[in-house]
Amino acid sequence: MSLTALEKGKLKIAAHAREELERAGILFESIQCKSGGAITPPDIVRLVVTVDGALNYVDLQAQDVEDCEHIVAGETWRKIAALIDGI
């Protein structure tokens, strides 16, 4: 079974967030990309970064996450950068 474009995008975004957090010297407990279920609205992927027990998150459009299957760029990249700057 192969991964969907959304699943690949979520993995790419989590890896990108990890790299940027490490580059900024921010110690984090976890990084999660959540979609579906009661936590997120339809067509939304929530990137959640836990730092010092505090949850920090940004909501991304599922279509934009699918577009990040190979590289994180554009508006998604800017939203993740803003999240990290706010931590």
PDB file of N, CA and C in Angstrom:
ATOM      1  N   MET A   1       0.844  -1.165   0.000  1.00  0.00           N
ATOM      2  CA  MET A   1       0.000   0.000   0.000  1.00  0.00           C
ATOM      3  C   MET A   1       0.898   1.241   0.000  1.00  0.00           C
ATOM      4  N   SER A   2       0.627   2.164  -0.887  1.00  0.00           N
ATOM      5  CA  SER A   2       1.432   3.383  -0.955  1.00  0.00           C
ATOM      6  C   SER A   2       0.728   4.531  -0.233  1.00  0.00           C
ATOM      7  N   LEU A   3       1.521   5.520   0.132  1.00  0.00           N
ATOM      8  CA  LEU A   3       0.989   6.694   0.819  1.00  0.00           C
ATOM      9  C   LEU A   3       0.297   7.620  -0.169  1.00  0.00           C
ATOM     10  N   THR A   4      -0.731   8.315   0.311  1.00  0.00           N
ATOM     11  CA  THR A   4      -1.412   9.308  -0.520  1.00  0.00           C
ATOM     12  C   THR A   4      -0.572  10.583  -0.553  1.00  0.00           C
ATOM     13  N   ALA A   5      -0.911  11.493  -1.445  1.00  0.00           N
ATOM     14  CA  ALA A   5      -0.209  12.780  -1.524  1.00  0.00           C
ATOM     15  C   ALA A   5      -0.367  13.546  -0.213  1.00  0.00           C
ATOM     16  N   LEU A   6      -1.525  13.451   0.433  1.00  0.00           N
ATOM     17  CA  LEU A   6      -1.743  14.136   1.711  1.00  0.00           C
ATOM     18  C   LEU A   6      -0.823  13.554   2.790  1.00  0.00           C
ATOM     19  N   GLU A   7      -0.741  12.234   2.867  1.00  0.00           N
ATOM     20  CA  GLU A   7       0.127  11.602   3.861  1.00  0.00           C
ATOM     21  C   GLU A   7       1.595  11.954   3.622  1.00  0.00           C
ATOM     22  N   LYS A   8       2.014  11.955   2.371  1.00  0.00           N
ATOM     23  CA  LYS A   8       3.396  12.333   2.041  1.00  0.00           C
ATOM     24  C   LYS A   8       3.648  13.795   2.397  1.00  0.00           C
ATOM     25  N   GLY A   9       2.677  14.659   2.116  1.00  0.00           N
ATOM     26  CA  GLY A   9       2.805  16.075   2.445  1.00  0.00           C
ATOM     27  C   GLY A   9       2.914  16.295   3.940  1.00  0.00           C
ATOM     28  N   LYS A  10       2.113  15.559   4.720  1.00  0.00           N
ATOM     29  CA  LYS A  10       2.171  15.685   6.168  1.00  0.00           C
ATOM     30  C   LYS A  10       3.546  15.274   6.692  1.00  0.00           C
ATOM     31  N   LEU A  11       4.102  14.209   6.151  1.00  0.00           N
ATOM     32  CA  LEU A  11       5.440  13.772   6.561  1.00  0.00           C
ATOM     33  C   LEU A  11       6.495  14.807   6.185  1.00  0.00           C
ATOM     34  N   LYS A  12       6.374  15.360   4.995  1.00  0.00           N
ATOM     35  CA  LYS A  12       7.337  16.369   4.529  1.00  0.00           C
ATOM     36  C   LYS A  12       7.255  17.624   5.402  1.00  0.00           C
ATOM     37  N   ILE A  13       6.057  18.039   5.751  1.00  0.00           N
ATOM     38  CA  ILE A  13       5.868  19.229   6.596  1.00  0.00           C
ATOM     39  C   ILE A  13       6.431  18.985   7.993  1.00  0.00           C
ATOM     40  N   ALA A  14       6.187  17.817   8.573  1.00  0.00           N
ATOM     41  CA  ALA A  14       6.727  17.510   9.902  1.00  0.00           C
ATOM     42  C   ALA A  14       8.255  17.526   9.874  1.00  0.00           C
ATOM     43  N   ALA A  15       8.838  16.956   8.833  1.00  0.00           N
ATOM     44  CA  ALA A  15      10.302  16.951   8.704  1.00  0.00           C
ATOM     45  C   ALA A  15      10.832  18.376   8.536  1.00  0.00           C
ATOM     46  N   HIS A  16      10.136  19.181   7.759  1.00  0.00           N
ATOM     47  CA  HIS A  16      10.540  20.573   7.547  1.00  0.00           C
ATOM     48  C   HIS A  16      10.468  21.350   8.870  1.00  0.00           C
ATOM     49  N   ALA A  17       9.385  21.163   9.615  1.00  0.00           N
ATOM     50  CA  ALA A  17       9.231  21.851  10.897  1.00  0.00           C
ATOM     51  C   ALA A  17      10.341  21.436  11.858  1.00  0.00           C
ATOM     52  N   ARG A  18      10.652  20.163  11.884  1.00  0.00           N
ATOM     53  CA  ARG A  18      11.730  19.666  12.751  1.00  0.00           C
ATOM     54  C   ARG A  18      13.056  20.324  12.398  1.00  0.00           C
ATOM     55  N   GLU A  19      13.351  20.379  11.118  1.00  0.00           N
ATOM     56  CA  GLU A  19      14.602  20.992  10.654  1.00  0.00           C
ATOM     57  C   GLU A  19      14.674  22.469  11.051  1.00  0.00           C
ATOM     58  N   GLU A  20      13.582  23.191  10.867  1.00  0.00           N
ATOM     59  CA  GLU A  20      13.568  24.619  11.189  1.00  0.00           C
ATOM     60  C   GLU A  20      13.649  24.862  12.697  1.00  0.00           C
ATOM     61  N   LEU A  21      12.991  24.030  13.486  1.00  0.00           N
ATOM     62  CA  LEU A  21      13.077  24.155  14.935  1.00  0.00           C
ATOM     63  C   LEU A  21      14.505  23.900  15.416  1.00  0.00           C
ATOM     64  N   GLU A  22      15.124  22.871  14.876  1.00  0.00           N
ATOM     65  CA  GLU A  22      16.503  22.570  15.252  1.00  0.00           C
ATOM     66  C   GLU A  22      17.441  23.692  14.817  1.00  0.00           C
ATOM     67  N   ARG A  23      17.228  24.234  13.630  1.00  0.00           N
ATOM     68  CA  ARG A  23      18.051  25.343  13.128  1.00  0.00           C
ATOM     69  C   ARG A  23      17.920  26.565  14.047  1.00  0.00           C
ATOM     70  N   ALA A  24      16.716  26.787  14.586  1.00  0.00           N
ATOM     71  CA  ALA A  24      16.475  27.927  15.472  1.00  0.00           C
ATOM     72  C   ALA A  24      16.911  27.641  16.912  1.00  0.00           C
ATOM     73  N   GLY A  25      17.325  26.409  17.185  1.00  0.00           N
ATOM     74  CA  GLY A  25      17.752  26.056  18.528  1.00  0.00           C
ATOM     75  C   GLY A  25      16.606  25.904  19.515  1.00  0.00           C
ATOM     76  N   ILE A  26      15.426  25.598  19.017  1.00  0.00           N
ATOM     77  CA  ILE A  26      14.242  25.435  19.867  1.00  0.00           C
ATOM     78  C   ILE A  26      14.076  23.957  20.211  1.00  0.00           C
ATOM     79  N   LEU A  27      14.103  23.659  21.503  1.00  0.00           N
ATOM     80  CA  LEU A  27      13.893  22.285  21.955  1.00  0.00           C
ATOM     81  C   LEU A  27      12.391  22.009  21.980  1.00  0.00           C
ATOM     82  N   PHE A  28      11.985  20.924  21.378  1.00  0.00           N
ATOM     83  CA  PHE A  28      10.563  20.592  21.283  1.00  0.00           C
ATOM     84  C   PHE A  28      10.339  19.177  21.762  1.00  0.00           C
ATOM     85  N   GLU A  29       9.124  18.914  22.242  1.00  0.00           N
ATOM     86  CA  GLU A  29       8.770  17.571  22.684  1.00  0.00           C
ATOM     87  C   GLU A  29       8.155  16.734  21.557  1.00  0.00           C
ATOM     88  N   SER A  30       7.345  17.373  20.723  1.00  0.00           N
ATOM     89  CA  SER A  30       6.723  16.615  19.633  1.00  0.00           C
ATOM     90  C   SER A  30       6.294  17.533  18.499  1.00  0.00           C
ATOM     91  N   ILE A  31       6.152  16.890  17.347  1.00  0.00           N
ATOM     92  CA  ILE A  31       5.619  17.540  16.144  1.00  0.00           C
ATOM     93  C   ILE A  31       4.581  16.582  15.574  1.00  0.00           C
ATOM     94  N   GLN A  32       3.386  17.088  15.317  1.00  0.00           N
ATOM     95  CA  GLN A  32       2.326  16.253  14.763  1.00  0.00           C
ATOM     96  C   GLN A  32       1.606  16.991  13.648  1.00  0.00           C
ATOM     97  N   CYS A  33       1.194  16.252  12.642  1.00  0.00           N
ATOM     98  CA  CYS A  33       0.316  16.772  11.588  1.00  0.00           C
ATOM     99  C   CYS A  33      -0.974  15.976  11.687  1.00  0.00           C
ATOM    100  N   LYS A  34      -2.040  16.641  12.102  1.00  0.00           N
ATOM    101  CA  LYS A  34      -3.312  15.962  12.324  1.00  0.00           C
ATOM    102  C   LYS A  34      -4.336  16.397  11.286  1.00  0.00           C
ATOM    103  N   SER A  35      -5.143  15.445  10.862  1.00  0.00           N
ATOM    104  CA  SER A  35      -6.254  15.767   9.966  1.00  0.00           C
ATOM    105  C   SER A  35      -7.370  14.771  10.206  1.00  0.00           C
ATOM    106  N   GLY A  36      -8.577  15.208   9.895  1.00  0.00           N
ATOM    107  CA  GLY A  36      -9.724  14.339  10.089  1.00  0.00           C
ATOM    108  C   GLY A  36     -10.127  14.243  11.552  1.00  0.00           C
ATOM    109  N   GLY A  37     -11.183  13.557  11.817  1.00  0.00           N
ATOM    110  CA  GLY A  37     -11.635  13.382  13.187  1.00  0.00           C
ATOM    111  C   GLY A  37     -12.282  14.632  13.752  1.00  0.00           C
ATOM    112  N   ALA A  38     -12.448  14.638  15.065  1.00  0.00           N
ATOM    113  CA  ALA A  38     -13.124  15.743  15.736  1.00  0.00           C
ATOM    114  C   ALA A  38     -12.197  16.926  15.982  1.00  0.00           C
ATOM    115  N   ILE A  39     -10.892  16.725  15.846  1.00  0.00           N
ATOM    116  CA  ILE A  39      -9.933  17.785  16.190  1.00  0.00           C
ATOM    117  C   ILE A  39      -9.847  18.860  15.112  1.00  0.00           C
ATOM    118  N   THR A  40      -9.882  18.484  13.872  1.00  0.00           N
ATOM    119  CA  THR A  40      -9.712  19.460  12.795  1.00  0.00           C
ATOM    120  C   THR A  40     -10.926  19.485  11.878  1.00  0.00           C
ATOM    121  N   PRO A  41     -11.240  20.652  11.351  1.00  0.00           N
ATOM    122  CA  PRO A  41     -12.326  20.747  10.373  1.00  0.00           C
ATOM    123  C   PRO A  41     -11.960  19.985   9.092  1.00  0.00           C
ATOM    124  N   PRO A  42     -12.960  19.650   8.285  1.00  0.00           N
ATOM    125  CA  PRO A  42     -12.666  18.991   7.011  1.00  0.00           C
ATOM    126  C   PRO A  42     -11.731  19.849   6.156  1.00  0.00           C
ATOM    127  N   ASP A  43     -10.873  19.215   5.402  1.00  0.00           N
ATOM    128  CA  ASP A  43      -9.945  19.874   4.483  1.00  0.00           C
ATOM    129  C   ASP A  43      -8.892  20.721   5.190  1.00  0.00           C
ATOM    130  N   ILE A  44      -8.667  20.467   6.481  1.00  0.00           N
ATOM    131  CA  ILE A  44      -7.652  21.190   7.235  1.00  0.00           C
ATOM    132  C   ILE A  44      -6.663  20.184   7.826  1.00  0.00           C
ATOM    133  N   VAL A  45      -5.390  20.537   7.780  1.00  0.00           N
ATOM    134  CA  VAL A  45      -4.342  19.778   8.464  1.00  0.00           C
ATOM    135  C   VAL A  45      -3.767  20.713   9.513  1.00  0.00           C
ATOM    136  N   ARG A  46      -3.696  20.245  10.734  1.00  0.00           N
ATOM    137  CA  ARG A  46      -3.170  21.058  11.830  1.00  0.00           C
ATOM    138  C   ARG A  46      -1.762  20.572  12.168  1.00  0.00           C
ATOM    139  N   LEU A  47      -0.790  21.471  12.029  1.00  0.00           N
ATOM    140  CA  LEU A  47       0.580  21.202  12.445  1.00  0.00           C
ATOM    141  C   LEU A  47       0.689  21.641  13.900  1.00  0.00           C
ATOM    142  N   VAL A  48       1.001  20.703  14.789  1.00  0.00           N
ATOM    143  CA  VAL A  48       1.079  20.971  16.217  1.00  0.00           C
ATOM    144  C   VAL A  48       2.508  20.724  16.688  1.00  0.00           C
ATOM    145  N   VAL A  49       3.097  21.736  17.324  1.00  0.00           N
ATOM    146  CA  VAL A  49       4.442  21.624  17.873  1.00  0.00           C
ATOM    147  C   VAL A  49       4.328  21.851  19.377  1.00  0.00           C
ATOM    148  N   THR A  50       4.838  20.912  20.156  1.00  0.00           N
ATOM    149  CA  THR A  50       4.801  21.036  21.605  1.00  0.00           C
ATOM    150  C   THR A  50       6.177  21.459  22.097  1.00  0.00           C
ATOM    151  N   VAL A  51       6.221  22.613  22.792  1.00  0.00           N
ATOM    152  CA  VAL A  51       7.450  23.170  23.344  1.00  0.00           C
ATOM    153  C   VAL A  51       7.172  23.519  24.806  1.00  0.00           C
ATOM    154  N   ASP A  52       7.982  22.997  25.708  1.00  0.00           N
ATOM    155  CA  ASP A  52       7.804  23.243  27.145  1.00  0.00           C
ATOM    156  C   ASP A  52       6.381  22.959  27.606  1.00  0.00           C
ATOM    157  N   GLY A  53       5.784  21.907  27.077  1.00  0.00           N
ATOM    158  CA  GLY A  53       4.438  21.509  27.464  1.00  0.00           C
ATOM    159  C   GLY A  53       3.316  22.313  26.830  1.00  0.00           C
ATOM    160  N   ALA A  54       3.663  23.364  26.098  1.00  0.00           N
ATOM    161  CA  ALA A  54       2.652  24.206  25.457  1.00  0.00           C
ATOM    162  C   ALA A  54       2.443  23.788  24.007  1.00  0.00           C
ATOM    163  N   LEU A  55       1.178  23.689  23.615  1.00  0.00           N
ATOM    164  CA  LEU A  55       0.855  23.356  22.227  1.00  0.00           C
ATOM    165  C   LEU A  55       0.832  24.628  21.389  1.00  0.00           C
ATOM    166  N   ASN A  56       1.533  24.600  20.277  1.00  0.00           N
ATOM    167  CA  ASN A  56       1.544  25.691  19.305  1.00  0.00           C
ATOM    168  C   ASN A  56       1.104  25.072  17.988  1.00  0.00           C
ATOM    169  N   TYR A  57       0.179  25.727  17.299  1.00  0.00           N
ATOM    170  CA  TYR A  57      -0.291  25.102  16.061  1.00  0.00           C
ATOM    171  C   TYR A  57      -0.626  26.127  14.988  1.00  0.00           C
ATOM    172  N   VAL A  58      -0.667  25.601  13.775  1.00  0.00           N
ATOM    173  CA  VAL A  58      -1.119  26.371  12.625  1.00  0.00           C
ATOM    174  C   VAL A  58      -1.976  25.435  11.777  1.00  0.00           C
ATOM    175  N   ASP A  59      -3.069  25.969  11.241  1.00  0.00           N
ATOM    176  CA  ASP A  59      -3.932  25.196  10.350  1.00  0.00           C
ATOM    177  C   ASP A  59      -3.531  25.449   8.906  1.00  0.00           C
ATOM    178  N   LEU A  60      -3.438  24.373   8.150  1.00  0.00           N
ATOM    179  CA  LEU A  60      -3.059  24.429   6.745  1.00  0.00           C
ATOM    180  C   LEU A  60      -4.165  23.789   5.910  1.00  0.00           C
ATOM    181  N   GLN A  61      -4.369  24.279   4.716  1.00  0.00           N
ATOM    182  CA  GLN A  61      -5.338  23.690   3.803  1.00  0.00           C
ATOM    183  C   GLN A  61      -4.817  22.334   3.318  1.00  0.00           C
ATOM    184  N   ALA A  62      -5.682  21.336   3.305  1.00  0.00           N
ATOM    185  CA  ALA A  62      -5.280  19.992   2.891  1.00  0.00           C
ATOM    186  C   ALA A  62      -4.682  20.003   1.479  1.00  0.00           C
ATOM    187  N   GLN A  63      -5.258  20.776   0.581  1.00  0.00           N
ATOM    188  CA  GLN A  63      -4.732  20.850  -0.792  1.00  0.00           C
ATOM    189  C   GLN A  63      -3.306  21.382  -0.793  1.00  0.00           C
ATOM    190  N   ASP A  64      -3.036  22.381   0.047  1.00  0.00           N
ATOM    191  CA  ASP A  64      -1.680  22.924   0.137  1.00  0.00           C
ATOM    192  C   ASP A  64      -0.709  21.890   0.696  1.00  0.00           C
ATOM    193  N   VAL A  65      -1.177  21.085   1.635  1.00  0.00           N
ATOM    194  CA  VAL A  65      -0.336  20.027   2.207  1.00  0.00           C
ATOM    195  C   VAL A  65      -0.016  18.988   1.135  1.00  0.00           C
ATOM    196  N   GLU A  66      -1.012  18.627   0.336  1.00  0.00           N
ATOM    197  CA  GLU A  66      -0.775  17.684  -0.761  1.00  0.00           C
ATOM    198  C   GLU A  66       0.279  18.225  -1.724  1.00  0.00           C
ATOM    199  N   ASP A  67       0.265  19.537  -1.954  1.00  0.00           N
ATOM    200  CA  ASP A  67       1.239  20.156  -2.850  1.00  0.00           C
ATOM    201  C   ASP A  67       2.650  20.100  -2.281  1.00  0.00           C
ATOM    202  N   CYS A  68       2.786  19.854  -0.970  1.00  0.00           N
ATOM    203  CA  CYS A  68       4.097  19.792  -0.309  1.00  0.00           C
ATOM    204  C   CYS A  68       4.665  18.376  -0.301  1.00  0.00           C
ATOM    205  N   GLU A  69       4.098  17.507  -1.093  1.00  0.00           N
ATOM    206  CA  GLU A  69       4.521  16.111  -1.151  1.00  0.00           C
ATOM    207  C   GLU A  69       6.026  15.990  -1.416  1.00  0.00           C
ATOM    208  N   HIS A  70       6.588  16.925  -2.204  1.00  0.00           N
ATOM    209  CA  HIS A  70       8.013  16.860  -2.545  1.00  0.00           C
ATOM    210  C   HIS A  70       8.835  17.944  -1.873  1.00  0.00           C
ATOM    211  N   ILE A  71       8.274  19.139  -1.713  1.00  0.00           N
ATOM    212  CA  ILE A  71       9.001  20.244  -1.092  1.00  0.00           C
ATOM    213  C   ILE A  71       8.001  21.197  -0.431  1.00  0.00           C
ATOM    214  N   VAL A  72       8.391  21.720   0.730  1.00  0.00           N
ATOM    215  CA  VAL A  72       7.552  22.689   1.434  1.00  0.00           C
ATOM    216  C   VAL A  72       7.929  24.075   0.912  1.00  0.00           C
ATOM    217  N   ALA A  73       6.959  24.760   0.329  1.00  0.00           N
ATOM    218  CA  ALA A  73       7.233  26.067  -0.282  1.00  0.00           C
ATOM    219  C   ALA A  73       5.995  26.947  -0.203  1.00  0.00           C
ATOM    220  N   GLY A  74       6.155  28.173  -0.658  1.00  0.00           N
ATOM    221  CA  GLY A  74       5.035  29.098  -0.782  1.00  0.00           C
ATOM    222  C   GLY A  74       4.386  29.471   0.532  1.00  0.00           C
ATOM    223  N   GLU A  75       3.070  29.615   0.501  1.00  0.00           N
ATOM    224  CA  GLU A  75       2.306  30.058   1.659  1.00  0.00           C
ATOM    225  C   GLU A  75       2.443  29.086   2.831  1.00  0.00           C
ATOM    226  N   THR A  76       2.500  27.799   2.551  1.00  0.00           N
ATOM    227  CA  THR A  76       2.668  26.810   3.617  1.00  0.00           C
ATOM    228  C   THR A  76       3.987  27.036   4.340  1.00  0.00           C
ATOM    229  N   TRP A  77       5.047  27.273   3.594  1.00  0.00           N
ATOM    230  CA  TRP A  77       6.360  27.549   4.184  1.00  0.00           C
ATOM    231  C   TRP A  77       6.285  28.789   5.067  1.00  0.00           C
ATOM    232  N   ARG A  78       5.628  29.839   4.581  1.00  0.00           N
ATOM    233  CA  ARG A  78       5.505  31.089   5.352  1.00  0.00           C
ATOM    234  C   ARG A  78       4.700  30.883   6.642  1.00  0.00           C
ATOM    235  N   LYS A  79       3.645  30.091   6.579  1.00  0.00           N
ATOM    236  CA  LYS A  79       2.842  29.833   7.778  1.00  0.00           C
ATOM    237  C   LYS A  79       3.644  29.068   8.826  1.00  0.00           C
ATOM    238  N   ILE A  80       4.431  28.101   8.390  1.00  0.00           N
ATOM    239  CA  ILE A  80       5.267  27.343   9.320  1.00  0.00           C
ATOM    240  C   ILE A  80       6.345  28.249   9.913  1.00  0.00           C
ATOM    241  N   ALA A  81       6.935  29.108   9.095  1.00  0.00           N
ATOM    242  CA  ALA A  81       7.946  30.048   9.586  1.00  0.00           C
ATOM    243  C   ALA A  81       7.348  30.990  10.636  1.00  0.00           C
ATOM    244  N   ALA A  82       6.130  31.446  10.406  1.00  0.00           N
ATOM    245  CA  ALA A  82       5.469  32.341  11.369  1.00  0.00           C
ATOM    246  C   ALA A  82       5.177  31.606  12.670  1.00  0.00           C
ATOM    247  N   LEU A  83       4.768  30.355  12.573  1.00  0.00           N
ATOM    248  CA  LEU A  83       4.527  29.549  13.770  1.00  0.00           C
ATOM    249  C   LEU A  83       5.802  29.448  14.602  1.00  0.00           C
ATOM    250  N   ILE A  84       6.891  29.104  13.944  1.00  0.00           N
ATOM    251  CA  ILE A  84       8.171  28.934  14.640  1.00  0.00           C
ATOM    252  C   ILE A  84       8.664  30.265  15.213  1.00  0.00           C
ATOM    253  N   ASP A  85       8.471  31.343  14.492  1.00  0.00           N
ATOM    254  CA  ASP A  85       8.868  32.665  15.007  1.00  0.00           C
ATOM    255  C   ASP A  85       8.081  33.025  16.263  1.00  0.00           C
ATOM    256  N   GLY A  86       6.853  32.529  16.370  1.00  0.00           N
ATOM    257  CA  GLY A  86       6.012  32.848  17.508  1.00  0.00           C
ATOM    258  C   GLY A  86       6.260  31.991  18.747  1.00  0.00           C
ATOM    259  N   ILE A  87       7.103  30.995  18.599  1.00  0.00           N
ATOM    260  CA  ILE A  87       7.389  30.089  19.735  1.00  0.00           C
ATOM    261  C   ILE A  87       8.448  30.709  20.618  1.00  0.00           C
TER     262      ILE A  87
END
